[in-house]
Structure formats: C-alpha cells, structure tokens
Amino acid sequence: MTAGLSFPDLTAVCAVILDIDGVLLDATASYHAVAEEAARRAIASLVGEDQARAVPFNRALEVAAFKAAGGFNDDWEMARGIALLLYLRALGAAPSLTHFLGSADGEGVEGLYRRAFSQEVHAALDAPAITRTCNELYGGDRCRQLFGFDWTGEGYWQRETLLADATLLQQCAERFPLALFTGRNPGEAKLALERTGLGIPEALSWVADGRPRKPDPAGLIWLTQTLLKGAPPGAQVLFIGDTADDQTAARAAQARGATPIIYAHIAAPGDTSRVLGQLLGEKS
C-alpha cells in the first residue's frame, strides 16, 4: 500500500496477524546489512578482499528487488543470492539485476544456483558457512539465545528500530487478538517482541521452527482459523505483510478457503501506522 491508500471496509476485522521485519521492525540495518556483509565475506576467497569490498551493491534498492522477486523471504538464503550476484559482478559477468532474479523462476536461491558453477564457487558460497556468518553478525553476544552457540560482540539486532507508532501498536493489542506470521526463528521472534513491547503468546506465533515457511500458506490458514474460533459470522482477520512471499501466502490462503483474510501490503515507512490507524478509526 502507499500513503493515503485505504481499504474499503475493515469494520469486520476481529484480529490481526503481523509479520515482523518490514512491518513492525526496520530490518535494513540488521538483517539486510548482515546479508550483504556475509555475502562480501563469502566471495573474498574467490576474488580477494579488496575486490569483495569494492564490488557495487545498492542495499536499499537491490534487497527490495530480491524481496519483490519472491522466494527470498529468508535473509540468510538471500545472502547466498547476493553473494552469487556480487561474485558475477566482480568478474564482470553479471546480467542485469532483473535478469539475474528472473533466472531464479521464483524459486529463490535454489533457482539461482541451478546454473553450473565450479566446485570452488560452491565451496565458497556454501549455505551452512554463510548461515553461520549471518548468525554471528546478527546475534553477537546473544547467539546462544538466538542460535544455540556462543559468540561475542555487538549484534546487528541492536540496530533495529520500530516502524509502527508505539501508541497505535498498544491500542491494537488492547482491542484485538494479535498473532505473528514470520520467518524468524523462535529466539529472534521473542527478541522482536521485546523490542516492540507486544505480548503475543507463543501459541499464536508461527515461526521458523521446522513448520512450513512462507510462501506456504499453512501458517496463515492455521492462525486465521484459530483467531476466528468463536467469532461472529462474517468476522475477518487482517494480515499485514511486506514481501512477495507474504502476498503469495495470503492469496494461497484465500484460494484454499481462508477467505476471511484481508491483506495489507506495507511498501513504505509509515504504512504500518496508517493501516493500524485506519483499523482503529473504523472500529471506534
């Protein structure tokens, strides 16, 4: 959605499902910065440290393009995609970003790596190694809580800032049951709730703990059905997301019968507050 865009009717909304990154918290200085840094570190063994640092990447614009392409909701997986893009740019062999992302055919990292690359490239851009680097950068001295191993230093999670107006969030929490539908793991989701001040129970938090992940709609369907138990006929659930995978999950959930979902797409800073403000206004 964009500034000034309103939904025709939110008066039947009785509960709200929230994504975290891009909706509640600004992840550009945390997850997105981690993905870029991990990608640069990964290609250093292939092209040298200086070249790895010099190759251009516009984080604000190009991460948004990854997210809009679908299949890159997981930032650690996106880091592998960025690493491959930076490697090809360092060689002077990179296509346009549009063509590069289009070559994935909506399958995310797996689609990008379908092309034949040398064993050296696959070893340098190994998924577990990049994931480990991402975890270290993001978690810092809270890695034990978040990822199950010890590390030291300041974690990038400390750079996250609240996107939604805190007063509006608390008003919504007082008036509506809230749920989470996120790609964060349980520890990361708990950390986010600490930073937002929301008290969403674990039973209403669909996180990355082995269950189907976005864009699979299973979590969205389950949360919608749970939230609507005992609700009056015609009640609806508002899902607020910000990526192509969020949109895909919402459409798939509706197609499978979870039609009481209204999807609000966050496209710019301030959109979350605008959506919540409209919701509160229509329910007053």
C-alpha atoms as a PDB file:
ATOM      1  CA  MET A   1       0.000   0.000   0.000  1.00  0.00           C
ATOM      2  CA  THR A   2       1.032   3.608  -0.353  1.00  0.00           C
ATOM      3  CA  ALA A   3       0.345   6.718   1.644  1.00  0.00           C
ATOM      4  CA  GLY A   4      -3.310   7.631   1.554  1.00  0.00           C
ATOM      5  CA  LEU A   5      -4.465   4.250   0.279  1.00  0.00           C
ATOM      6  CA  SER A   6      -7.375   2.896   2.302  1.00  0.00           C
ATOM      7  CA  PHE A   7      -9.227  -0.380   2.346  1.00  0.00           C
ATOM      8  CA  PRO A   8     -12.935  -0.379   1.543  1.00  0.00           C
ATOM      9  CA  ASP A   9     -14.039  -1.901   4.840  1.00  0.00           C
ATOM     10  CA  LEU A  10     -12.152  -3.033   7.903  1.00  0.00           C
ATOM     11  CA  THR A  11     -15.119  -2.932  10.247  1.00  0.00           C
ATOM     12  CA  ALA A  12     -15.454  -6.741  10.314  1.00  0.00           C
ATOM     13  CA  VAL A  13     -11.816  -7.266  11.361  1.00  0.00           C
ATOM     14  CA  CYS A  14     -11.666  -9.008  14.726  1.00  0.00           C
ATOM     15  CA  ALA A  15      -7.962  -9.995  14.855  1.00  0.00           C
ATOM     16  CA  VAL A  16      -4.623  -9.010  13.330  1.00  0.00           C
ATOM     17  CA  ILE A  17      -1.748 -11.170  12.037  1.00  0.00           C
ATOM     18  CA  LEU A  18       1.585  -9.372  11.821  1.00  0.00           C
ATOM     19  CA  ASP A  19       4.826 -10.002  10.018  1.00  0.00           C
ATOM     20  CA  ILE A  20       7.851  -8.633  11.889  1.00  0.00           C
ATOM     21  CA  ASP A  21      10.567  -7.394   9.555  1.00  0.00           C
ATOM     22  CA  GLY A  22       9.422  -4.559   7.353  1.00  0.00           C
ATOM     23  CA  VAL A  23       6.149  -4.318   9.276  1.00  0.00           C
ATOM     24  CA  LEU A  24       6.995  -3.962  12.970  1.00  0.00           C
ATOM     25  CA  LEU A  25      10.776  -3.526  12.815  1.00  0.00           C
ATOM     26  CA  ASP A  26      13.067  -1.945  10.246  1.00  0.00           C
ATOM     27  CA  ALA A  27      15.439  -4.722   9.189  1.00  0.00           C
ATOM     28  CA  THR A  28      17.506  -2.698   6.726  1.00  0.00           C
ATOM     29  CA  ALA A  29      20.252  -2.026   9.281  1.00  0.00           C
ATOM     30  CA  SER A  30      20.128  -5.540  10.721  1.00  0.00           C
ATOM     31  CA  TYR A  31      19.120  -8.496   8.537  1.00  0.00           C
ATOM     32  CA  HIS A  32      19.714  -6.741   5.230  1.00  0.00           C
ATOM     33  CA  ALA A  33      23.087  -5.363   6.318  1.00  0.00           C
ATOM     34  CA  VAL A  34      24.051  -8.797   7.655  1.00  0.00           C
ATOM     35  CA  ALA A  35      23.130 -10.437   4.340  1.00  0.00           C
ATOM     36  CA  GLU A  36      25.325  -8.027   2.390  1.00  0.00           C
ATOM     37  CA  GLU A  37      28.265  -8.301   4.793  1.00  0.00           C
ATOM     38  CA  ALA A  38      28.109 -12.100   4.849  1.00  0.00           C
ATOM     39  CA  ALA A  39      27.988 -12.143   1.048  1.00  0.00           C
ATOM     40  CA  ARG A  40      31.071  -9.940   0.772  1.00  0.00           C
ATOM     41  CA  ARG A  41      32.983 -12.108   3.236  1.00  0.00           C
ATOM     42  CA  ALA A  42      31.996 -15.230   1.313  1.00  0.00           C
ATOM     43  CA  ILE A  43      33.333 -14.047  -2.056  1.00  0.00           C
ATOM     44  CA  ALA A  44      36.601 -12.711  -0.614  1.00  0.00           C
ATOM     45  CA  SER A  45      38.238 -16.133  -1.003  1.00  0.00           C
ATOM     46  CA  LEU A  46      37.270 -16.109  -4.685  1.00  0.00           C
ATOM     47  CA  VAL A  47      38.081 -12.554  -5.791  1.00  0.00           C
ATOM     48  CA  GLY A  48      40.203 -11.131  -2.979  1.00  0.00           C
ATOM     49  CA  GLU A  49      39.266  -8.913  -0.048  1.00  0.00           C
ATOM     50  CA  ASP A  50      39.706  -5.606  -1.889  1.00  0.00           C
ATOM     51  CA  GLN A  51      37.518  -6.641  -4.809  1.00  0.00           C
ATOM     52  CA  ALA A  52      34.940  -8.152  -2.467  1.00  0.00           C
ATOM     53  CA  ARG A  53      34.650  -4.794  -0.750  1.00  0.00           C
ATOM     54  CA  ALA A  54      34.687  -2.739  -3.948  1.00  0.00           C
ATOM     55  CA  VAL A  55      32.011  -4.522  -5.971  1.00  0.00           C
ATOM     56  CA  PRO A  56      28.881  -2.333  -6.022  1.00  0.00           C
ATOM     57  CA  PHE A  57      25.636  -3.234  -4.290  1.00  0.00           C
ATOM     58  CA  ASN A  58      22.787  -0.819  -3.562  1.00  0.00           C
ATOM     59  CA  ARG A  59      21.334  -2.411  -0.442  1.00  0.00           C
ATOM     60  CA  ALA A  60      18.199  -0.286  -0.219  1.00  0.00           C
ATOM     61  CA  LEU A  61      17.134  -0.809  -3.828  1.00  0.00           C
ATOM     62  CA  GLU A  62      18.517  -4.256  -4.558  1.00  0.00           C
ATOM     63  CA  VAL A  63      17.369  -6.018  -1.387  1.00  0.00           C
ATOM     64  CA  ALA A  64      13.903  -4.666  -2.161  1.00  0.00           C
ATOM     65  CA  ALA A  65      14.189  -6.236  -5.616  1.00  0.00           C
ATOM     66  CA  PHE A  66      15.148  -9.593  -4.099  1.00  0.00           C
ATOM     67  CA  LYS A  67      12.134  -9.431  -1.778  1.00  0.00           C
ATOM     68  CA  ALA A  68       9.802  -8.461  -4.611  1.00  0.00           C
ATOM     69  CA  ALA A  69      11.034 -11.366  -6.746  1.00  0.00           C
ATOM     70  CA  GLY A  70       9.651 -13.973  -4.348  1.00  0.00           C
ATOM     71  CA  GLY A  71      11.487 -16.875  -2.763  1.00  0.00           C
ATOM     72  CA  PHE A  72      13.880 -14.673  -0.785  1.00  0.00           C
ATOM     73  CA  ASN A  73      11.934 -14.142   2.415  1.00  0.00           C
ATOM     74  CA  ASP A  74      14.735 -15.835   4.392  1.00  0.00           C
ATOM     75  CA  ASP A  75      17.524 -13.265   4.641  1.00  0.00           C
ATOM     76  CA  TRP A  76      20.245 -15.854   5.173  1.00  0.00           C
ATOM     77  CA  GLU A  77      19.206 -17.566   1.947  1.00  0.00           C
ATOM     78  CA  MET A  78      19.104 -14.155   0.290  1.00  0.00           C
ATOM     79  CA  ALA A  79      22.712 -13.663   1.449  1.00  0.00           C
ATOM     80  CA  ARG A  80      23.708 -16.577  -0.807  1.00  0.00           C
ATOM     81  CA  GLY A  81      21.871 -14.937  -3.675  1.00  0.00           C
ATOM     82  CA  ILE A  82      23.644 -11.639  -3.035  1.00  0.00           C
ATOM     83  CA  ALA A  83      26.978 -13.455  -2.821  1.00  0.00           C
ATOM     84  CA  LEU A  84      26.455 -15.018  -6.242  1.00  0.00           C
ATOM     85  CA  LEU A  85      25.430 -11.655  -7.704  1.00  0.00           C
ATOM     86  CA  LEU A  86      28.494  -9.906  -6.244  1.00  0.00           C
ATOM     87  CA  TYR A  87      30.782 -12.687  -7.458  1.00  0.00           C
ATOM     88  CA  LEU A  88      29.470 -12.361 -11.012  1.00  0.00           C
ATOM     89  CA  ARG A  89      29.796  -8.571 -10.818  1.00  0.00           C
ATOM     90  CA  ALA A  90      33.381  -8.907  -9.627  1.00  0.00           C
ATOM     91  CA  LEU A  91      34.090 -11.000 -12.724  1.00  0.00           C
ATOM     92  CA  GLY A  92      32.273  -8.533 -14.961  1.00  0.00           C
ATOM     93  CA  ALA A  93      29.882 -11.334 -15.903  1.00  0.00           C
ATOM     94  CA  ALA A  94      26.724 -10.299 -14.073  1.00  0.00           C
ATOM     95  CA  PRO A  95      23.483  -9.771 -16.007  1.00  0.00           C
ATOM     96  CA  SER A  96      21.098  -7.003 -15.037  1.00  0.00           C
ATOM     97  CA  LEU A  97      19.505  -7.466 -11.644  1.00  0.00           C
ATOM     98  CA  THR A  98      16.134  -8.014 -13.295  1.00  0.00           C
ATOM     99  CA  HIS A  99      17.521 -10.795 -15.481  1.00  0.00           C
ATOM    100  CA  PHE A 100      19.511 -12.270 -12.593  1.00  0.00           C
ATOM    101  CA  LEU A 101      16.453 -12.533 -10.343  1.00  0.00           C
ATOM    102  CA  GLY A 102      14.261 -13.638 -13.223  1.00  0.00           C
ATOM    103  CA  SER A 103      16.581 -16.582 -13.834  1.00  0.00           C
ATOM    104  CA  ALA A 104      15.522 -17.964 -10.434  1.00  0.00           C
ATOM    105  CA  ASP A 105      11.984 -18.518 -11.803  1.00  0.00           C
ATOM    106  CA  GLY A 106      10.521 -17.646  -8.405  1.00  0.00           C
ATOM    107  CA  GLU A 107      12.462 -20.450  -6.702  1.00  0.00           C
ATOM    108  CA  GLY A 108      14.807 -18.219  -4.727  1.00  0.00           C
ATOM    109  CA  VAL A 109      18.376 -19.322  -4.128  1.00  0.00           C
ATOM    110  CA  GLU A 110      17.779 -22.819  -5.481  1.00  0.00           C
ATOM    111  CA  GLY A 111      16.764 -21.315  -8.798  1.00  0.00           C
ATOM    112  CA  LEU A 112      19.872 -19.112  -8.945  1.00  0.00           C
ATOM    113  CA  TYR A 113      22.252 -21.970  -8.190  1.00  0.00           C
ATOM    114  CA  ARG A 114      20.679 -24.230 -10.789  1.00  0.00           C
ATOM    115  CA  ARG A 115      23.347 -22.977 -13.200  1.00  0.00           C
ATOM    116  CA  ALA A 116      26.650 -24.837 -13.304  1.00  0.00           C
ATOM    117  CA  PHE A 117      29.369 -23.309 -11.137  1.00  0.00           C
ATOM    118  CA  SER A 118      32.779 -24.666 -10.194  1.00  0.00           C
ATOM    119  CA  GLN A 119      33.335 -26.653  -7.022  1.00  0.00           C
ATOM    120  CA  GLU A 120      35.410 -23.735  -5.755  1.00  0.00           C
ATOM    121  CA  VAL A 121      32.436 -21.386  -6.085  1.00  0.00           C
ATOM    122  CA  HIS A 122      30.042 -23.828  -4.439  1.00  0.00           C
ATOM    123  CA  ALA A 123      32.506 -24.327  -1.571  1.00  0.00           C
ATOM    124  CA  ALA A 124      32.989 -20.595  -1.012  1.00  0.00           C
ATOM    125  CA  LEU A 125      29.249 -19.912  -1.174  1.00  0.00           C
ATOM    126  CA  ASP A 126      28.333 -22.913   0.941  1.00  0.00           C
ATOM    127  CA  ALA A 127      24.970 -22.438   2.653  1.00  0.00           C
ATOM    128  CA  PRO A 128      25.960 -23.616   6.181  1.00  0.00           C
ATOM    129  CA  ALA A 129      29.062 -21.389   6.175  1.00  0.00           C
ATOM    130  CA  ILE A 130      27.149 -18.299   5.077  1.00  0.00           C
ATOM    131  CA  THR A 131      24.382 -19.071   7.561  1.00  0.00           C
ATOM    132  CA  ARG A 132      26.962 -19.313  10.356  1.00  0.00           C
ATOM    133  CA  THR A 133      28.432 -15.935   9.401  1.00  0.00           C
ATOM    134  CA  CYS A 134      24.971 -14.380   9.293  1.00  0.00           C
ATOM    135  CA  ASN A 135      24.144 -15.781  12.715  1.00  0.00           C
ATOM    136  CA  GLU A 136      27.376 -14.438  14.206  1.00  0.00           C
ATOM    137  CA  LEU A 137      26.860 -10.975  12.756  1.00  0.00           C
ATOM    138  CA  TYR A 138      23.213 -10.713  13.731  1.00  0.00           C
ATOM    139  CA  GLY A 139      23.363 -12.315  17.167  1.00  0.00           C
ATOM    140  CA  GLY A 140      26.698 -11.149  18.573  1.00  0.00           C
ATOM    141  CA  ASP A 141      26.822 -11.976  22.267  1.00  0.00           C
ATOM    142  CA  ARG A 142      23.197 -13.185  22.166  1.00  0.00           C
ATOM    143  CA  CYS A 143      23.977 -16.017  19.746  1.00  0.00           C
ATOM    144  CA  ARG A 144      23.476 -18.605  22.471  1.00  0.00           C
ATOM    145  CA  GLN A 145      19.876 -17.457  22.986  1.00  0.00           C
ATOM    146  CA  LEU A 146      19.153 -16.984  19.294  1.00  0.00           C
ATOM    147  CA  PHE A 147      21.102 -19.726  17.514  1.00  0.00           C
ATOM    148  CA  GLY A 148      22.433 -22.117  20.144  1.00  0.00           C
ATOM    149  CA  PHE A 149      26.162 -21.308  20.113  1.00  0.00           C
ATOM    150  CA  ASP A 150      28.413 -18.809  21.871  1.00  0.00           C
ATOM    151  CA  TRP A 151      29.814 -15.727  20.171  1.00  0.00           C
ATOM    152  CA  THR A 152      30.930 -12.287  21.236  1.00  0.00           C
ATOM    153  CA  GLY A 153      30.470  -8.732  20.080  1.00  0.00           C
ATOM    154  CA  GLU A 154      27.670  -6.357  19.276  1.00  0.00           C
ATOM    155  CA  GLY A 155      24.912  -7.981  17.247  1.00  0.00           C
ATOM    156  CA  TYR A 156      23.266  -6.227  14.348  1.00  0.00           C
ATOM    157  CA  TRP A 157      19.906  -6.876  16.062  1.00  0.00           C
ATOM    158  CA  GLN A 158      20.665  -3.847  18.197  1.00  0.00           C
ATOM    159  CA  ARG A 159      20.351  -1.640  15.098  1.00  0.00           C
ATOM    160  CA  GLU A 160      16.676  -2.451  14.535  1.00  0.00           C
ATOM    161  CA  THR A 161      14.161   0.340  15.006  1.00  0.00           C
ATOM    162  CA  LEU A 162      10.399   0.312  15.436  1.00  0.00           C
ATOM    163  CA  LEU A 163       8.434   1.004  12.248  1.00  0.00           C
ATOM    164  CA  ALA A 164       4.972   1.323  13.766  1.00  0.00           C
ATOM    165  CA  ASP A 165       3.785   4.023  16.124  1.00  0.00           C
ATOM    166  CA  ALA A 166       4.159   2.532  19.630  1.00  0.00           C
ATOM    167  CA  THR A 167       0.875   4.033  20.858  1.00  0.00           C
ATOM    168  CA  LEU A 168      -1.069   2.588  17.928  1.00  0.00           C
ATOM    169  CA  LEU A 169       0.511  -0.810  18.500  1.00  0.00           C
ATOM    170  CA  GLN A 170      -0.522  -0.847  22.136  1.00  0.00           C
ATOM    171  CA  GLN A 171      -4.047   0.301  21.291  1.00  0.00           C
ATOM    172  CA  CYS A 172      -4.375  -2.507  18.745  1.00  0.00           C
ATOM    173  CA  ALA A 173      -3.018  -5.022  21.260  1.00  0.00           C
ATOM    174  CA  GLU A 174      -5.674  -3.889  23.746  1.00  0.00           C
ATOM    175  CA  ARG A 175      -8.524  -4.181  21.255  1.00  0.00           C
ATOM    176  CA  PHE A 176      -7.604  -7.138  19.034  1.00  0.00           C
ATOM    177  CA  PRO A 177      -6.041 -10.576  19.446  1.00  0.00           C
ATOM    178  CA  LEU A 178      -2.640 -10.418  17.721  1.00  0.00           C
ATOM    179  CA  ALA A 179      -0.637 -13.193  16.041  1.00  0.00           C
ATOM    180  CA  LEU A 180       2.760 -13.457  14.318  1.00  0.00           C
ATOM    181  CA  PHE A 181       3.471 -14.971  10.913  1.00  0.00           C
ATOM    182  CA  THR A 182       7.220 -14.613  10.441  1.00  0.00           C
ATOM    183  CA  GLY A 183      10.324 -16.226   9.024  1.00  0.00           C
ATOM    184  CA  ARG A 184      12.215 -15.551  12.248  1.00  0.00           C
ATOM    185  CA  ASN A 185      13.163 -18.436  14.481  1.00  0.00           C
ATOM    186  CA  PRO A 186      11.630 -18.609  17.993  1.00  0.00           C
ATOM    187  CA  GLY A 187      14.500 -16.761  19.669  1.00  0.00           C
ATOM    188  CA  GLU A 188      14.528 -13.993  17.053  1.00  0.00           C
ATOM    189  CA  ALA A 189      10.749 -13.615  17.294  1.00  0.00           C
ATOM    190  CA  LYS A 190      10.941 -13.346  21.079  1.00  0.00           C
ATOM    191  CA  LEU A 191      13.649 -10.701  20.764  1.00  0.00           C
ATOM    192  CA  ALA A 192      11.459  -8.746  18.344  1.00  0.00           C
ATOM    193  CA  LEU A 193       8.551  -8.810  20.775  1.00  0.00           C
ATOM    194  CA  GLU A 194      10.821  -7.437  23.484  1.00  0.00           C
ATOM    195  CA  ARG A 195      11.708  -4.534  21.223  1.00  0.00           C
ATOM    196  CA  THR A 196       8.120  -3.835  20.194  1.00  0.00           C
ATOM    197  CA  GLY A 197       6.599  -4.234  23.650  1.00  0.00           C
ATOM    198  CA  LEU A 198       3.972  -6.667  22.365  1.00  0.00           C
ATOM    199  CA  GLY A 199       2.938  -9.714  24.369  1.00  0.00           C
ATOM    200  CA  ILE A 200       1.903 -12.161  21.667  1.00  0.00           C
ATOM    201  CA  PRO A 201       1.728 -15.721  23.064  1.00  0.00           C
ATOM    202  CA  GLU A 202       3.851 -18.494  21.560  1.00  0.00           C
ATOM    203  CA  ALA A 203       0.646 -20.346  20.684  1.00  0.00           C
ATOM    204  CA  LEU A 204      -0.180 -17.551  18.220  1.00  0.00           C
ATOM    205  CA  SER A 205       3.341 -17.198  16.805  1.00  0.00           C
ATOM    206  CA  TRP A 206       4.031 -19.105  13.580  1.00  0.00           C
ATOM    207  CA  VAL A 207       7.830 -19.023  13.355  1.00  0.00           C
ATOM    208  CA  ALA A 208      10.682 -20.847  11.597  1.00  0.00           C
ATOM    209  CA  ASP A 209      10.878 -23.885  13.861  1.00  0.00           C
ATOM    210  CA  GLY A 210      10.511 -26.660  11.315  1.00  0.00           C
ATOM    211  CA  ARG A 211       6.956 -25.876  10.255  1.00  0.00           C
ATOM    212  CA  PRO A 212       6.126 -24.843   6.668  1.00  0.00           C
ATOM    213  CA  ARG A 213       7.528 -21.424   5.823  1.00  0.00           C
ATOM    214  CA  LYS A 214       6.378 -18.596   3.590  1.00  0.00           C
ATOM    215  CA  PRO A 215       5.157 -18.531   0.906  1.00  0.00           C
ATOM    216  CA  ASP A 216       3.456 -21.735   2.054  1.00  0.00           C
ATOM    217  CA  PRO A 217       0.091 -20.559   3.442  1.00  0.00           C
ATOM    218  CA  ALA A 218      -0.236 -23.281   6.093  1.00  0.00           C
ATOM    219  CA  GLY A 219       0.680 -20.976   8.962  1.00  0.00           C
ATOM    220  CA  LEU A 220      -1.594 -18.205   7.776  1.00  0.00           C
ATOM    221  CA  ILE A 221      -4.520 -20.598   7.410  1.00  0.00           C
ATOM    222  CA  TRP A 222      -3.926 -22.101  10.858  1.00  0.00           C
ATOM    223  CA  LEU A 223      -3.629 -18.705  12.540  1.00  0.00           C
ATOM    224  CA  THR A 224      -6.763 -17.419  10.802  1.00  0.00           C
ATOM    225  CA  GLN A 225      -8.803 -20.436  11.833  1.00  0.00           C
ATOM    226  CA  THR A 226      -7.515 -20.199  15.405  1.00  0.00           C
ATOM    227  CA  LEU A 227      -8.229 -16.483  15.707  1.00  0.00           C
ATOM    228  CA  LEU A 228     -11.750 -16.845  14.280  1.00  0.00           C
ATOM    229  CA  LYS A 229     -12.850 -19.582  16.686  1.00  0.00           C
ATOM    230  CA  GLY A 230     -15.960 -18.274  18.411  1.00  0.00           C
ATOM    231  CA  ALA A 231     -16.037 -15.133  16.259  1.00  0.00           C
ATOM    232  CA  PRO A 232     -19.384 -13.923  14.880  1.00  0.00           C
ATOM    233  CA  PRO A 233     -20.356 -14.764  11.279  1.00  0.00           C
ATOM    234  CA  GLY A 234     -18.654 -12.511   8.772  1.00  0.00           C
ATOM    235  CA  ALA A 235     -15.663 -11.757  11.012  1.00  0.00           C
ATOM    236  CA  GLN A 236     -12.350 -11.186   9.235  1.00  0.00           C
ATOM    237  CA  VAL A 237      -8.642 -11.269  10.037  1.00  0.00           C
ATOM    238  CA  LEU A 238      -6.236  -8.553   8.862  1.00  0.00           C
ATOM    239  CA  PHE A 239      -2.789  -9.804   7.791  1.00  0.00           C
ATOM    240  CA  ILE A 240      -0.097  -7.144   7.425  1.00  0.00           C
ATOM    241  CA  GLY A 241       2.982  -8.148   5.395  1.00  0.00           C
ATOM    242  CA  ASP A 242       5.606  -6.578   3.164  1.00  0.00           C
ATOM    243  CA  THR A 243       7.113  -9.106   0.741  1.00  0.00           C
ATOM    244  CA  ALA A 244       6.095 -11.000  -2.359  1.00  0.00           C
ATOM    245  CA  ASP A 245       6.076 -14.160  -0.248  1.00  0.00           C
ATOM    246  CA  ASP A 246       3.574 -12.531   2.131  1.00  0.00           C
ATOM    247  CA  GLN A 247       1.331 -11.657  -0.806  1.00  0.00           C
ATOM    248  CA  THR A 248       1.637 -15.147  -2.244  1.00  0.00           C
ATOM    249  CA  ALA A 249       0.799 -16.753   1.103  1.00  0.00           C
ATOM    250  CA  ALA A 250      -2.258 -14.519   1.530  1.00  0.00           C
ATOM    251  CA  ARG A 251      -3.570 -15.295  -1.949  1.00  0.00           C
ATOM    252  CA  ALA A 252      -2.959 -19.018  -1.496  1.00  0.00           C
ATOM    253  CA  ALA A 253      -4.727 -18.990   1.875  1.00  0.00           C
ATOM    254  CA  GLN A 254      -7.732 -17.281   0.342  1.00  0.00           C
ATOM    255  CA  ALA A 255      -7.739 -19.762  -2.533  1.00  0.00           C
ATOM    256  CA  ARG A 256      -7.802 -22.642  -0.047  1.00  0.00           C
ATOM    257  CA  GLY A 257     -10.824 -21.285   1.728  1.00  0.00           C
ATOM    258  CA  ALA A 258      -9.410 -18.921   4.354  1.00  0.00           C
ATOM    259  CA  THR A 259     -11.366 -16.122   2.694  1.00  0.00           C
ATOM    260  CA  PRO A 260     -11.827 -14.040   5.869  1.00  0.00           C
ATOM    261  CA  ILE A 261      -8.288 -12.680   5.342  1.00  0.00           C
ATOM    262  CA  ILE A 262      -7.756  -9.069   4.317  1.00  0.00           C
ATOM    263  CA  TYR A 263      -4.157  -8.476   3.234  1.00  0.00           C
ATOM    264  CA  ALA A 264      -2.430  -5.111   3.721  1.00  0.00           C
ATOM    265  CA  HIS A 265       0.886  -4.724   1.900  1.00  0.00           C
ATOM    266  CA  ILE A 266       3.489  -2.462   3.504  1.00  0.00           C
ATOM    267  CA  ALA A 267       5.520  -0.674   0.857  1.00  0.00           C
ATOM    268  CA  ALA A 268       6.959   2.361   2.644  1.00  0.00           C
ATOM    269  CA  PRO A 269       7.849   3.601   6.134  1.00  0.00           C
ATOM    270  CA  GLY A 270       4.716   4.765   7.907  1.00  0.00           C
ATOM    271  CA  ASP A 271       2.403   2.338   6.124  1.00  0.00           C
ATOM    272  CA  THR A 272       2.050   0.106   9.188  1.00  0.00           C
ATOM    273  CA  SER A 273       0.902   3.035  11.290  1.00  0.00           C
ATOM    274  CA  ARG A 274      -1.502   4.130   8.548  1.00  0.00           C
ATOM    275  CA  VAL A 275      -3.085   0.680   8.394  1.00  0.00           C
ATOM    276  CA  LEU A 276      -3.418   0.395  12.159  1.00  0.00           C
ATOM    277  CA  GLY A 277      -4.751   3.938  12.398  1.00  0.00           C
ATOM    278  CA  GLN A 278      -7.412   3.192   9.821  1.00  0.00           C
ATOM    279  CA  LEU A 279      -8.335  -0.039  11.593  1.00  0.00           C
ATOM    280  CA  LEU A 280      -8.717   1.690  14.943  1.00  0.00           C
ATOM    281  CA  GLY A 281     -10.661   4.522  13.358  1.00  0.00           C
ATOM    282  CA  GLU A 282     -13.164   2.222  11.700  1.00  0.00           C
ATOM    283  CA  LYS A 283     -13.633   0.195  14.873  1.00  0.00           C
ATOM    284  CA  SER A 284     -14.151   3.186  17.159  1.00  0.00           C
END
